[in-house]
Protein backbone atom coordinates (compact mmCIF):
# COMPACT_ATOMS: atom_id res chain seq x y z
CA MET A 1 -12.83 10.78 11.92
CA LYS A 2 -12.21 7.31 13.32
CA ILE A 3 -8.74 5.80 13.18
CA LYS A 4 -8.34 2.06 13.67
CA VAL A 5 -5.16 0.02 13.75
CA SER A 6 -5.45 -3.50 12.41
CA ASP A 7 -3.16 -6.38 11.53
CA ARG A 8 -5.69 -7.84 9.07
CA SER A 9 -4.87 -8.29 5.42
CA PRO A 10 -5.28 -4.98 3.52
CA GLN A 11 -7.82 -6.63 1.22
CA ASP A 12 -10.03 -7.41 4.21
CA VAL A 13 -10.25 -3.83 5.47
CA ALA A 14 -13.19 -1.62 4.52
CA SER A 15 -11.94 1.98 4.49
CA GLN A 16 -11.87 5.19 2.49
CA VAL A 17 -8.21 5.76 3.40
CA PHE A 18 -5.54 3.15 3.98
CA ILE A 19 -2.08 3.80 5.44
CA ALA A 20 0.55 1.09 5.25
CA GLY A 21 4.18 0.86 6.25
CA LEU A 22 6.94 -0.51 4.09
CA TYR A 23 10.61 -0.82 5.03
CA GLU A 24 13.35 0.54 2.80
CA GLY A 25 14.42 -2.20 0.40
CA GLU A 26 11.25 -4.25 0.98
CA LYS A 27 8.96 -5.01 -1.93
CA PRO A 28 5.19 -5.24 -1.50
CA SER A 29 5.31 -8.81 -2.79
CA GLU A 30 7.54 -9.67 0.19
CA SER A 31 5.06 -8.23 2.69
CA ASN A 32 1.35 -8.40 3.45
CA LEU A 33 0.85 -5.67 0.82
CA GLY A 34 1.39 -8.13 -2.03
CA ARG A 35 -2.30 -8.88 -2.64
CA LEU A 36 -3.26 -5.22 -2.34
CA ASP A 37 -0.55 -4.12 -4.77
CA SER A 38 -1.60 -6.87 -7.16
CA SER A 39 -5.19 -5.58 -7.11
CA LEU A 40 -3.83 -2.08 -7.83
CA GLY A 41 -1.96 -3.24 -10.94
CA ASN A 42 1.37 -3.46 -9.07
CA ARG A 43 1.59 0.33 -8.91
CA ILE A 44 3.51 0.32 -5.60
CA GLU A 45 6.07 -2.18 -6.91
CA ARG A 46 6.38 -0.19 -10.14
CA ALA A 47 6.93 3.09 -8.23
CA ILE A 48 9.75 1.42 -6.31
CA SER A 49 11.38 -0.12 -9.39
CA GLU A 50 11.20 3.22 -11.24
CA GLY A 51 12.76 5.09 -8.31
CA ASP A 52 9.66 7.15 -7.50
CA PHE A 53 9.46 5.65 -4.00
CA THR A 54 12.24 4.25 -1.82
CA ALA A 55 10.57 3.96 1.61
CA TYR A 56 13.24 6.11 3.25
CA HIS A 57 12.53 7.25 6.80
CA HIS A 58 9.63 9.79 6.79
CA GLU A 59 9.04 9.35 3.05
CA LEU A 60 5.41 9.24 1.93
CA PHE A 61 3.91 7.87 -1.24
CA GLU A 62 0.30 8.72 -2.05
CA LEU A 63 -1.56 6.37 -4.30
CA TYR A 64 -5.08 7.06 -5.42
CA GLY A 65 -7.30 4.18 -6.43
CA THR A 66 -10.80 3.80 -7.67
CA ARG A 67 -13.82 2.44 -5.86
CA GLN A 68 -13.29 -0.85 -7.70
CA GLU A 69 -9.78 -1.43 -6.42
CA GLY A 70 -7.92 -1.39 -3.14
CA PRO A 71 -9.61 -0.89 0.21
CA ARG A 72 -13.39 -1.07 0.12
């Protein structure tokens, strides 16, 4: 397995797995995750607004996409 750290836009990264950080209280639309979340149907933003994800310290949120969306 190869792990690479990049500061490129999430949409520009070709990967089977993508890990992104989000601060508590931050919305994807306020970060560089906005375009990615938009391509995923705003599922991250919706999980936050519905209380399913808060971005607390050490909290993880797994989101599964399809080959047509998200990282390539």
